[in-house]
Amino acid sequence: MLGIVRRVPILEVRNEAVAAPAGTDMSAIIVRAATARRWSATVTAPDVVRCRFDARSWNIVVDVRHAGTMFSVDYVSTAGLFYRPEHHDIHSSYNRQVEALCQRIKREAMRVPAAVPAPAATAPSVVPVAKPYVIETFARETGDRYAYRFVLKLNDVSDADLTLSRRIQADLRQSVRDDYVASSGTKETSSLRIEFPEYAIRGGKVEGRAVVMTVELLEFVYDPVTAHGRLAVKVNPQQYEATRQWVRNNIATLAKDKNANILSTLSGKPRFTIGREILRDDNVLEVEFQAGE
């Protein structure tokens, strides 16, 4: 039982370094550390371990994110610990358990032996992998510098599955990007998005249409306490509706490099309620959103 409520500012753990060799499997270290401290642990992404601590009358759920030999701990949820998001404070038991988990992660990392350098070996020759299709048609649509039509013939009709589809789309994205950059003289490619409004595999062929969208993120503001955010993107006037829909569907993609706190708020499940949308005279689309279930 927790007894008297002793709220404290919630512990923020950001970019904690561990003494482990480069290339260490951080997910395995975190799982071992969590298990040793009586947390349950599940790897939910290549760089995320979901950890849960259950006491008799309360529990804690956090995401431990790692990059290289550094880790951070994001609050996901608690029960019975009197968390107040508006004040960002919580019962002191939360901080004690998270701090103990962090110390155990560091201890487990110190136990990883340094890698022994492997003897030098002759690099194997690289054999190019044949593409599973032949291009029959790939060209920009007449009068439209942003849209492309394509027809590909599959080498093996039985290979028309999801994995093949993803590979073909990746190849097409690169081909479209290269052609668009060469034809438009664009040097800044980070804002280019390649979408497939029409795409189908049938009769041994892949047919469809690819569209280039120039979505440039100008502003991103997010308050993790209220879970309210606002973003602004530069819009190509010829693609307003397509860009608007893309932004609504990909707020997490636009946001992930701007504010890491949004990921912990969403518990790995990006869901948003779209509020006000304004298209300014300078072709900038402003979108307000509320994060959460």
C-alpha atoms as a PDB file:
ATOM      1  CA  MET A   1       0.000   0.000   0.000  1.00  0.00           C
ATOM      2  CA  LEU A   2       1.227   3.513  -0.781  1.00  0.00           C
ATOM      3  CA  GLY A   3      -0.001   5.216   2.365  1.00  0.00           C
ATOM      4  CA  ILE A   4       0.299   9.014   2.306  1.00  0.00           C
ATOM      5  CA  VAL A   5       0.504  10.407  -1.224  1.00  0.00           C
ATOM      6  CA  ARG A   6       3.977  11.860  -1.754  1.00  0.00           C
ATOM      7  CA  ARG A   7       3.958  13.425  -5.213  1.00  0.00           C
ATOM      8  CA  VAL A   8       7.244  14.482  -6.793  1.00  0.00           C
ATOM      9  CA  PRO A   9       8.155  15.810 -10.266  1.00  0.00           C
ATOM     10  CA  ILE A  10       8.214  12.827 -12.599  1.00  0.00           C
ATOM     11  CA  LEU A  11      11.727  11.551 -13.336  1.00  0.00           C
ATOM     12  CA  GLU A  12      12.898  12.395 -16.851  1.00  0.00           C
ATOM     13  CA  VAL A  13      15.589  10.076 -18.210  1.00  0.00           C
ATOM     14  CA  ARG A  14      17.129  11.319 -21.455  1.00  0.00           C
ATOM     15  CA  ASN A  15      20.159  10.050 -23.371  1.00  0.00           C
ATOM     16  CA  GLU A  16      21.808   8.160 -20.501  1.00  0.00           C
ATOM     17  CA  ALA A  17      25.127   6.689 -21.644  1.00  0.00           C
ATOM     18  CA  VAL A  18      26.235   3.179 -20.711  1.00  0.00           C
ATOM     19  CA  ALA A  19      29.726   1.656 -20.648  1.00  0.00           C
ATOM     20  CA  ALA A  20      29.263  -0.942 -23.369  1.00  0.00           C
ATOM     21  CA  PRO A  21      31.187  -1.671 -26.580  1.00  0.00           C
ATOM     22  CA  ALA A  22      29.887  -0.187 -29.806  1.00  0.00           C
ATOM     23  CA  GLY A  23      27.469  -2.531 -31.537  1.00  0.00           C
ATOM     24  CA  THR A  24      26.150  -3.968 -28.266  1.00  0.00           C
ATOM     25  CA  ASP A  25      22.617  -5.396 -28.397  1.00  0.00           C
ATOM     26  CA  MET A  26      20.988  -2.770 -26.162  1.00  0.00           C
ATOM     27  CA  SER A  27      17.560  -4.403 -26.357  1.00  0.00           C
ATOM     28  CA  ALA A  28      18.980  -7.584 -24.796  1.00  0.00           C
ATOM     29  CA  ILE A  29      20.708  -5.574 -22.044  1.00  0.00           C
ATOM     30  CA  ILE A  30      17.487  -3.723 -21.202  1.00  0.00           C
ATOM     31  CA  VAL A  31      15.439  -6.945 -21.121  1.00  0.00           C
ATOM     32  CA  ARG A  32      17.970  -8.599 -18.769  1.00  0.00           C
ATOM     33  CA  ALA A  33      18.050  -5.546 -16.506  1.00  0.00           C
ATOM     34  CA  ALA A  34      14.254  -5.274 -16.378  1.00  0.00           C
ATOM     35  CA  THR A  35      13.835  -8.969 -15.611  1.00  0.00           C
ATOM     36  CA  ALA A  36      16.390  -8.737 -12.789  1.00  0.00           C
ATOM     37  CA  ARG A  37      14.359  -5.890 -11.235  1.00  0.00           C
ATOM     38  CA  ARG A  38      11.052  -7.860 -11.571  1.00  0.00           C
ATOM     39  CA  TRP A  39       9.780  -5.867 -14.546  1.00  0.00           C
ATOM     40  CA  SER A  40       8.270  -7.659 -17.534  1.00  0.00           C
ATOM     41  CA  ALA A  41       9.914  -6.591 -20.800  1.00  0.00           C
ATOM     42  CA  THR A  42       8.938  -6.898 -24.461  1.00  0.00           C
ATOM     43  CA  VAL A  43      10.852  -5.640 -27.506  1.00  0.00           C
ATOM     44  CA  THR A  44       8.211  -3.697 -29.474  1.00  0.00           C
ATOM     45  CA  ALA A  45      10.520  -2.112 -32.082  1.00  0.00           C
ATOM     46  CA  PRO A  46      14.220  -2.383 -33.030  1.00  0.00           C
ATOM     47  CA  ASP A  47      14.998   0.522 -30.667  1.00  0.00           C
ATOM     48  CA  VAL A  48      12.205   0.218 -28.082  1.00  0.00           C
ATOM     49  CA  VAL A  49      11.622  -2.103 -25.112  1.00  0.00           C
ATOM     50  CA  ARG A  50       8.234  -1.866 -23.361  1.00  0.00           C
ATOM     51  CA  CYS A  51       8.698  -2.487 -19.599  1.00  0.00           C
ATOM     52  CA  ARG A  52       5.961  -3.068 -17.004  1.00  0.00           C
ATOM     53  CA  PHE A  53       6.244  -3.216 -13.212  1.00  0.00           C
ATOM     54  CA  ASP A  54       3.303  -4.651 -11.267  1.00  0.00           C
ATOM     55  CA  ALA A  55       2.922  -4.140  -7.519  1.00  0.00           C
ATOM     56  CA  ARG A  56      -0.063  -5.326  -5.489  1.00  0.00           C
ATOM     57  CA  SER A  57      -2.124  -2.141  -5.867  1.00  0.00           C
ATOM     58  CA  TRP A  58      -0.317  -0.155  -8.567  1.00  0.00           C
ATOM     59  CA  ASN A  59       1.693  -0.547 -11.767  1.00  0.00           C
ATOM     60  CA  ILE A  60       4.047   1.301 -14.102  1.00  0.00           C
ATOM     61  CA  VAL A  61       4.499   1.044 -17.879  1.00  0.00           C
ATOM     62  CA  VAL A  62       7.427   2.749 -19.623  1.00  0.00           C
ATOM     63  CA  ASP A  63       9.176   2.580 -22.988  1.00  0.00           C
ATOM     64  CA  VAL A  64      12.968   2.351 -22.862  1.00  0.00           C
ATOM     65  CA  ARG A  65      14.301   3.747 -26.140  1.00  0.00           C
ATOM     66  CA  HIS A  66      17.907   3.327 -27.187  1.00  0.00           C
ATOM     67  CA  ALA A  67      20.283   4.553 -29.862  1.00  0.00           C
ATOM     68  CA  GLY A  68      23.873   3.366 -29.950  1.00  0.00           C
ATOM     69  CA  THR A  69      24.969   3.011 -26.321  1.00  0.00           C
ATOM     70  CA  MET A  70      22.497   5.582 -24.951  1.00  0.00           C
ATOM     71  CA  PHE A  71      18.971   5.119 -23.641  1.00  0.00           C
ATOM     72  CA  SER A  72      15.965   7.165 -22.551  1.00  0.00           C
ATOM     73  CA  VAL A  73      12.875   6.253 -20.532  1.00  0.00           C
ATOM     74  CA  ASP A  74       9.446   7.510 -21.641  1.00  0.00           C
ATOM     75  CA  TYR A  75       6.401   7.445 -19.366  1.00  0.00           C
ATOM     76  CA  VAL A  76       3.565   5.437 -20.946  1.00  0.00           C
ATOM     77  CA  SER A  77       1.022   4.871 -18.152  1.00  0.00           C
ATOM     78  CA  THR A  78       0.518   4.138 -14.471  1.00  0.00           C
ATOM     79  CA  ALA A  79      -2.290   2.962 -12.241  1.00  0.00           C
ATOM     80  CA  GLY A  80      -2.632   3.828  -8.563  1.00  0.00           C
ATOM     81  CA  LEU A  81       0.265   6.314  -8.492  1.00  0.00           C
ATOM     82  CA  PHE A  82      -1.790   9.536  -8.647  1.00  0.00           C
ATOM     83  CA  TYR A  83      -0.162  10.856 -11.825  1.00  0.00           C
ATOM     84  CA  ARG A  84      -1.219  14.432 -12.678  1.00  0.00           C
ATOM     85  CA  PRO A  85      -0.299  15.262 -16.282  1.00  0.00           C
ATOM     86  CA  GLU A  86      -1.168  18.919 -15.805  1.00  0.00           C
ATOM     87  CA  HIS A  87       1.489  19.183 -13.071  1.00  0.00           C
ATOM     88  CA  HIS A  88       3.747  16.425 -14.446  1.00  0.00           C
ATOM     89  CA  ASP A  89       4.107  14.923 -10.967  1.00  0.00           C
ATOM     90  CA  ILE A  90       3.494  11.471  -9.511  1.00  0.00           C
ATOM     91  CA  HIS A  91       3.905   9.334  -6.394  1.00  0.00           C
ATOM     92  CA  SER A  92       7.585   8.938  -5.458  1.00  0.00           C
ATOM     93  CA  SER A  93       7.375   5.161  -5.977  1.00  0.00           C
ATOM     94  CA  TYR A  94       7.493   5.775  -9.730  1.00  0.00           C
ATOM     95  CA  ASN A  95      10.814   7.609  -9.546  1.00  0.00           C
ATOM     96  CA  ARG A  96      12.335   4.982  -7.243  1.00  0.00           C
ATOM     97  CA  GLN A  97      11.445   2.103  -9.559  1.00  0.00           C
ATOM     98  CA  VAL A  98      12.558   3.887 -12.731  1.00  0.00           C
ATOM     99  CA  GLU A  99      15.840   5.006 -11.158  1.00  0.00           C
ATOM    100  CA  ALA A 100      16.529   1.434  -9.980  1.00  0.00           C
ATOM    101  CA  LEU A 101      15.801   0.151 -13.501  1.00  0.00           C
ATOM    102  CA  CYS A 102      18.228   2.680 -15.028  1.00  0.00           C
ATOM    103  CA  GLN A 103      21.000   1.730 -12.612  1.00  0.00           C
ATOM    104  CA  ARG A 104      20.479  -1.961 -13.404  1.00  0.00           C
ATOM    105  CA  ILE A 105      20.675  -1.245 -17.160  1.00  0.00           C
ATOM    106  CA  LYS A 106      24.039   0.453 -16.621  1.00  0.00           C
ATOM    107  CA  ARG A 107      25.285  -2.479 -14.525  1.00  0.00           C
ATOM    108  CA  GLU A 108      24.209  -5.014 -17.158  1.00  0.00           C
ATOM    109  CA  ALA A 109      25.949  -2.974 -19.871  1.00  0.00           C
ATOM    110  CA  MET A 110      29.234  -3.038 -17.927  1.00  0.00           C
ATOM    111  CA  ARG A 111      29.142  -6.851 -17.996  1.00  0.00           C
ATOM    112  CA  VAL A 112      29.258  -7.013 -21.801  1.00  0.00           C
ATOM    113  CA  PRO A 113      32.770  -8.114 -22.853  1.00  0.00           C
ATOM    114  CA  ALA A 114      34.653  -6.048 -25.393  1.00  0.00           C
ATOM    115  CA  ALA A 115      34.500  -7.505 -28.881  1.00  0.00           C
ATOM    116  CA  VAL A 116      37.609  -9.342 -30.069  1.00  0.00           C
ATOM    117  CA  PRO A 117      38.682  -8.000 -33.496  1.00  0.00           C
ATOM    118  CA  ALA A 118      38.127 -10.596 -36.175  1.00  0.00           C
ATOM    119  CA  PRO A 119      41.062 -11.491 -38.432  1.00  0.00           C
ATOM    120  CA  ALA A 120      41.160  -9.564 -41.668  1.00  0.00           C
ATOM    121  CA  ALA A 121      39.466 -11.383 -44.493  1.00  0.00           C
ATOM    122  CA  THR A 122      39.278 -10.857 -48.192  1.00  0.00           C
ATOM    123  CA  ALA A 123      36.102  -9.064 -49.094  1.00  0.00           C
ATOM    124  CA  PRO A 124      33.788 -11.328 -51.103  1.00  0.00           C
ATOM    125  CA  SER A 125      32.879 -10.182 -54.563  1.00  0.00           C
ATOM    126  CA  VAL A 126      29.448  -8.598 -54.754  1.00  0.00           C
ATOM    127  CA  VAL A 127      27.078 -10.289 -57.153  1.00  0.00           C
ATOM    128  CA  PRO A 128      24.296  -7.971 -58.294  1.00  0.00           C
ATOM    129  CA  VAL A 129      20.816  -9.275 -57.524  1.00  0.00           C
ATOM    130  CA  ALA A 130      18.559  -9.470 -60.558  1.00  0.00           C
ATOM    131  CA  LYS A 131      15.375  -7.456 -60.317  1.00  0.00           C
ATOM    132  CA  PRO A 132      12.201  -9.598 -60.298  1.00  0.00           C
ATOM    133  CA  TYR A 133      10.563  -7.496 -63.028  1.00  0.00           C
ATOM    134  CA  VAL A 134      11.113  -5.780 -66.377  1.00  0.00           C
ATOM    135  CA  ILE A 135      10.058  -2.165 -66.981  1.00  0.00           C
ATOM    136  CA  GLU A 136       7.603  -1.862 -69.883  1.00  0.00           C
ATOM    137  CA  THR A 137       6.518   1.725 -69.249  1.00  0.00           C
ATOM    138  CA  PHE A 138       7.901   4.438 -66.980  1.00  0.00           C
ATOM    139  CA  ALA A 139       7.218   8.046 -67.955  1.00  0.00           C
ATOM    140  CA  ARG A 140       5.925  11.343 -66.663  1.00  0.00           C
ATOM    141  CA  GLU A 141       2.321  12.097 -67.501  1.00  0.00           C
ATOM    142  CA  THR A 142       1.852  14.649 -70.270  1.00  0.00           C
ATOM    143  CA  GLY A 143       1.773  18.173 -68.896  1.00  0.00           C
ATOM    144  CA  ASP A 144       2.324  17.077 -65.289  1.00  0.00           C
ATOM    145  CA  ARG A 145       5.834  17.274 -63.866  1.00  0.00           C
ATOM    146  CA  TYR A 146       4.717  15.582 -60.604  1.00  0.00           C
ATOM    147  CA  ALA A 147       2.959  12.414 -61.850  1.00  0.00           C
ATOM    148  CA  TYR A 148       4.345   9.242 -63.437  1.00  0.00           C
ATOM    149  CA  ARG A 149       2.745   6.228 -65.095  1.00  0.00           C
ATOM    150  CA  PHE A 150       4.385   2.818 -64.931  1.00  0.00           C
ATOM    151  CA  VAL A 151       3.851  -0.741 -66.140  1.00  0.00           C
ATOM    152  CA  LEU A 152       6.211  -3.512 -64.969  1.00  0.00           C
ATOM    153  CA  LYS A 153       6.160  -7.126 -66.107  1.00  0.00           C
ATOM    154  CA  LEU A 154       6.918  -9.661 -63.370  1.00  0.00           C
ATOM    155  CA  ASN A 155       9.476 -12.364 -64.121  1.00  0.00           C
ATOM    156  CA  ASP A 156       7.543 -14.847 -61.992  1.00  0.00           C
ATOM    157  CA  VAL A 157       3.799 -14.324 -61.601  1.00  0.00           C
ATOM    158  CA  SER A 158       3.755 -16.484 -58.450  1.00  0.00           C
ATOM    159  CA  ASP A 159       5.948 -13.881 -56.726  1.00  0.00           C
ATOM    160  CA  ALA A 160       3.157 -11.287 -56.628  1.00  0.00           C
ATOM    161  CA  ASP A 161       3.126 -10.984 -52.840  1.00  0.00           C
ATOM    162  CA  LEU A 162       3.472  -8.218 -50.242  1.00  0.00           C
ATOM    163  CA  THR A 163       7.263  -8.504 -49.955  1.00  0.00           C
ATOM    164  CA  LEU A 164       7.686  -8.123 -53.699  1.00  0.00           C
ATOM    165  CA  SER A 165       5.255  -5.223 -53.728  1.00  0.00           C
ATOM    166  CA  ARG A 166       7.303  -3.377 -51.097  1.00  0.00           C
ATOM    167  CA  ARG A 167      10.525  -3.929 -53.033  1.00  0.00           C
ATOM    168  CA  ILE A 168       8.957  -2.690 -56.269  1.00  0.00           C
ATOM    169  CA  GLN A 169       7.611   0.418 -54.547  1.00  0.00           C
ATOM    170  CA  ALA A 170      11.043   1.135 -53.063  1.00  0.00           C
ATOM    171  CA  ASP A 171      12.632   0.829 -56.528  1.00  0.00           C
ATOM    172  CA  LEU A 172       9.942   3.016 -58.080  1.00  0.00           C
ATOM    173  CA  ARG A 173      10.342   5.681 -55.397  1.00  0.00           C
ATOM    174  CA  GLN A 174      14.049   5.911 -56.174  1.00  0.00           C
ATOM    175  CA  SER A 175      13.448   6.027 -59.946  1.00  0.00           C
ATOM    176  CA  VAL A 176      10.797   8.730 -59.585  1.00  0.00           C
ATOM    177  CA  ARG A 177      12.970  10.726 -57.183  1.00  0.00           C
ATOM    178  CA  ASP A 178      15.989  10.558 -59.535  1.00  0.00           C
ATOM    179  CA  ASP A 179      13.955  11.619 -62.581  1.00  0.00           C
ATOM    180  CA  TYR A 180      12.189  14.438 -60.745  1.00  0.00           C
ATOM    181  CA  VAL A 181      15.433  15.822 -59.304  1.00  0.00           C
ATOM    182  CA  ALA A 182      17.152  15.678 -62.700  1.00  0.00           C
ATOM    183  CA  SER A 183      14.253  17.299 -64.573  1.00  0.00           C
ATOM    184  CA  SER A 184      13.448  20.018 -62.030  1.00  0.00           C
ATOM    185  CA  GLY A 185      16.985  20.891 -60.946  1.00  0.00           C
ATOM    186  CA  THR A 186      15.984  20.406 -57.308  1.00  0.00           C
ATOM    187  CA  LYS A 187      18.893  20.086 -54.875  1.00  0.00           C
ATOM    188  CA  GLU A 188      16.958  19.833 -51.597  1.00  0.00           C
ATOM    189  CA  THR A 189      15.299  16.393 -51.617  1.00  0.00           C
ATOM    190  CA  SER A 190      14.376  15.974 -47.947  1.00  0.00           C
ATOM    191  CA  SER A 191      10.898  17.439 -48.573  1.00  0.00           C
ATOM    192  CA  LEU A 192      10.051  15.077 -51.458  1.00  0.00           C
ATOM    193  CA  ARG A 193       7.407  12.413 -50.766  1.00  0.00           C
ATOM    194  CA  ILE A 194       6.541   9.725 -53.322  1.00  0.00           C
ATOM    195  CA  GLU A 195       3.024   8.315 -53.045  1.00  0.00           C
ATOM    196  CA  PHE A 196       1.096   5.701 -55.051  1.00  0.00           C
ATOM    197  CA  PRO A 197      -2.568   6.743 -55.434  1.00  0.00           C
ATOM    198  CA  GLU A 198      -2.955   3.934 -58.002  1.00  0.00           C
ATOM    199  CA  TYR A 199      -1.071   0.644 -57.611  1.00  0.00           C
ATOM    200  CA  ALA A 200      -2.094  -2.913 -58.498  1.00  0.00           C
ATOM    201  CA  ILE A 201      -0.546  -6.302 -59.302  1.00  0.00           C
ATOM    202  CA  ARG A 202      -2.639  -8.298 -61.744  1.00  0.00           C
ATOM    203  CA  GLY A 203      -2.136 -10.535 -64.752  1.00  0.00           C
ATOM    204  CA  GLY A 204       1.603 -10.807 -64.139  1.00  0.00           C
ATOM    205  CA  LYS A 205       2.035  -7.046 -64.313  1.00  0.00           C
ATOM    206  CA  VAL A 206       2.335  -4.139 -61.911  1.00  0.00           C
ATOM    207  CA  GLU A 207       0.461  -1.072 -63.112  1.00  0.00           C
ATOM    208  CA  GLY A 208      -0.099   2.265 -61.476  1.00  0.00           C
ATOM    209  CA  ARG A 209       0.720   5.857 -60.923  1.00  0.00           C
ATOM    210  CA  ALA A 210       3.261   7.596 -58.694  1.00  0.00           C
ATOM    211  CA  VAL A 211       3.005  11.199 -57.524  1.00  0.00           C
ATOM    212  CA  VAL A 212       5.730  13.495 -56.190  1.00  0.00           C
ATOM    213  CA  MET A 213       4.641  15.770 -53.339  1.00  0.00           C
ATOM    214  CA  THR A 214       6.860  18.543 -52.004  1.00  0.00           C
ATOM    215  CA  VAL A 215       5.922  18.592 -48.308  1.00  0.00           C
ATOM    216  CA  GLU A 216       8.240  20.933 -46.408  1.00  0.00           C
ATOM    217  CA  LEU A 217       7.754  21.110 -42.630  1.00  0.00           C
ATOM    218  CA  LEU A 218       8.185  24.727 -41.540  1.00  0.00           C
ATOM    219  CA  GLU A 219       7.013  24.606 -37.921  1.00  0.00           C
ATOM    220  CA  PHE A 220       6.125  21.984 -35.336  1.00  0.00           C
ATOM    221  CA  VAL A 221       4.968  22.809 -31.792  1.00  0.00           C
ATOM    222  CA  TYR A 222       3.768  20.177 -29.315  1.00  0.00           C
ATOM    223  CA  ASP A 223       2.864  20.366 -25.614  1.00  0.00           C
ATOM    224  CA  PRO A 224       3.193  16.900 -23.970  1.00  0.00           C
ATOM    225  CA  VAL A 225       1.143  18.030 -20.959  1.00  0.00           C
ATOM    226  CA  THR A 226      -1.976  18.976 -22.934  1.00  0.00           C
ATOM    227  CA  ALA A 227      -1.142  16.630 -25.863  1.00  0.00           C
ATOM    228  CA  HIS A 228      -2.023  19.546 -28.153  1.00  0.00           C
ATOM    229  CA  GLY A 229       0.107  20.406 -31.174  1.00  0.00           C
ATOM    230  CA  ARG A 230       0.347  22.615 -34.219  1.00  0.00           C
ATOM    231  CA  LEU A 231       2.330  22.246 -37.417  1.00  0.00           C
ATOM    232  CA  ALA A 232       2.807  24.223 -40.606  1.00  0.00           C
ATOM    233  CA  VAL A 233       3.858  22.848 -43.989  1.00  0.00           C
ATOM    234  CA  LYS A 234       4.589  24.517 -47.313  1.00  0.00           C
ATOM    235  CA  VAL A 235       1.997  23.421 -49.866  1.00  0.00           C
ATOM    236  CA  ASN A 236       2.243  23.169 -53.636  1.00  0.00           C
ATOM    237  CA  PRO A 237      -1.023  24.878 -54.714  1.00  0.00           C
ATOM    238  CA  GLN A 238      -1.523  22.252 -57.447  1.00  0.00           C
ATOM    239  CA  GLN A 239      -1.502  19.491 -54.823  1.00  0.00           C
ATOM    240  CA  TYR A 240      -3.356  21.051 -51.924  1.00  0.00           C
ATOM    241  CA  GLU A 241      -5.887  18.259 -51.322  1.00  0.00           C
ATOM    242  CA  ALA A 242      -3.293  15.477 -51.717  1.00  0.00           C
ATOM    243  CA  THR A 243      -0.869  17.258 -49.393  1.00  0.00           C
ATOM    244  CA  ARG A 244      -3.606  17.966 -46.838  1.00  0.00           C
ATOM    245  CA  GLN A 245      -4.576  14.283 -46.733  1.00  0.00           C
ATOM    246  CA  TRP A 246      -0.931  13.176 -46.509  1.00  0.00           C
ATOM    247  CA  VAL A 247      -0.304  15.502 -43.556  1.00  0.00           C
ATOM    248  CA  ARG A 248      -3.390  14.204 -41.727  1.00  0.00           C
ATOM    249  CA  ASN A 249      -2.201  10.598 -42.205  1.00  0.00           C
ATOM    250  CA  ASN A 250       1.469  11.207 -41.415  1.00  0.00           C
ATOM    251  CA  ILE A 251       1.639  13.645 -38.500  1.00  0.00           C
ATOM    252  CA  ALA A 252       3.793  11.139 -36.578  1.00  0.00           C
ATOM    253  CA  THR A 253       6.236  10.909 -39.504  1.00  0.00           C
ATOM    254  CA  LEU A 254       6.583  14.681 -39.586  1.00  0.00           C
ATOM    255  CA  ALA A 255       6.793  14.950 -35.817  1.00  0.00           C
ATOM    256  CA  LYS A 256       9.194  12.205 -34.751  1.00  0.00           C
ATOM    257  CA  ASP A 257      12.363  14.238 -35.339  1.00  0.00           C
ATOM    258  CA  LYS A 258      10.884  17.403 -33.832  1.00  0.00           C
ATOM    259  CA  ASN A 259       9.566  16.250 -30.459  1.00  0.00           C
ATOM    260  CA  ALA A 260      10.314  12.816 -29.001  1.00  0.00           C
ATOM    261  CA  ASN A 261       7.727  13.296 -26.220  1.00  0.00           C
ATOM    262  CA  ILE A 262       4.896  12.783 -28.676  1.00  0.00           C
ATOM    263  CA  LEU A 263       5.877   9.114 -29.019  1.00  0.00           C
ATOM    264  CA  SER A 264       5.513   8.409 -25.309  1.00  0.00           C
ATOM    265  CA  THR A 265       2.159  10.204 -25.244  1.00  0.00           C
ATOM    266  CA  LEU A 266       0.876   7.975 -28.025  1.00  0.00           C
ATOM    267  CA  SER A 267       2.300   4.740 -26.537  1.00  0.00           C
ATOM    268  CA  GLY A 268       3.558   3.707 -29.961  1.00  0.00           C
ATOM    269  CA  LYS A 269       0.080   4.028 -31.516  1.00  0.00           C
ATOM    270  CA  PRO A 270      -0.138   7.347 -33.351  1.00  0.00           C
ATOM    271  CA  ARG A 271      -3.730   8.608 -33.128  1.00  0.00           C
ATOM    272  CA  PHE A 272      -4.807  12.195 -33.630  1.00  0.00           C
ATOM    273  CA  THR A 273      -7.901  14.312 -33.694  1.00  0.00           C
ATOM    274  CA  ILE A 274      -7.535  17.048 -36.282  1.00  0.00           C
ATOM    275  CA  GLY A 275      -8.722  20.490 -35.227  1.00  0.00           C
ATOM    276  CA  ARG A 276      -8.462  23.762 -37.093  1.00  0.00           C
ATOM    277  CA  GLU A 277      -6.909  23.828 -40.582  1.00  0.00           C
ATOM    278  CA  ILE A 278      -5.934  27.074 -42.298  1.00  0.00           C
ATOM    279  CA  LEU A 279      -4.374  27.619 -45.740  1.00  0.00           C
ATOM    280  CA  ARG A 280      -2.577  30.956 -45.596  1.00  0.00           C
ATOM    281  CA  ASP A 281      -2.093  33.310 -48.543  1.00  0.00           C
ATOM    282  CA  ASP A 282       1.571  32.283 -48.768  1.00  0.00           C
ATOM    283  CA  ASN A 283       0.522  28.636 -49.451  1.00  0.00           C
ATOM    284  CA  VAL A 284       1.372  27.439 -45.959  1.00  0.00           C
ATOM    285  CA  LEU A 285      -1.046  24.925 -44.418  1.00  0.00           C
ATOM    286  CA  GLU A 286      -1.444  25.199 -40.628  1.00  0.00           C
ATOM    287  CA  VAL A 287      -2.956  22.209 -38.809  1.00  0.00           C
ATOM    288  CA  GLU A 288      -3.850  21.922 -35.125  1.00  0.00           C
ATOM    289  CA  PHE A 289      -4.204  18.445 -33.609  1.00  0.00           C
ATOM    290  CA  GLN A 290      -4.873  16.626 -30.346  1.00  0.00           C
ATOM    291  CA  ALA A 291      -2.850  13.456 -29.677  1.00  0.00           C
ATOM    292  CA  GLY A 292      -4.282  10.409 -27.958  1.00  0.00           C
ATOM    293  CA  GLU A 293      -6.714   7.541 -28.356  1.00  0.00           C
END
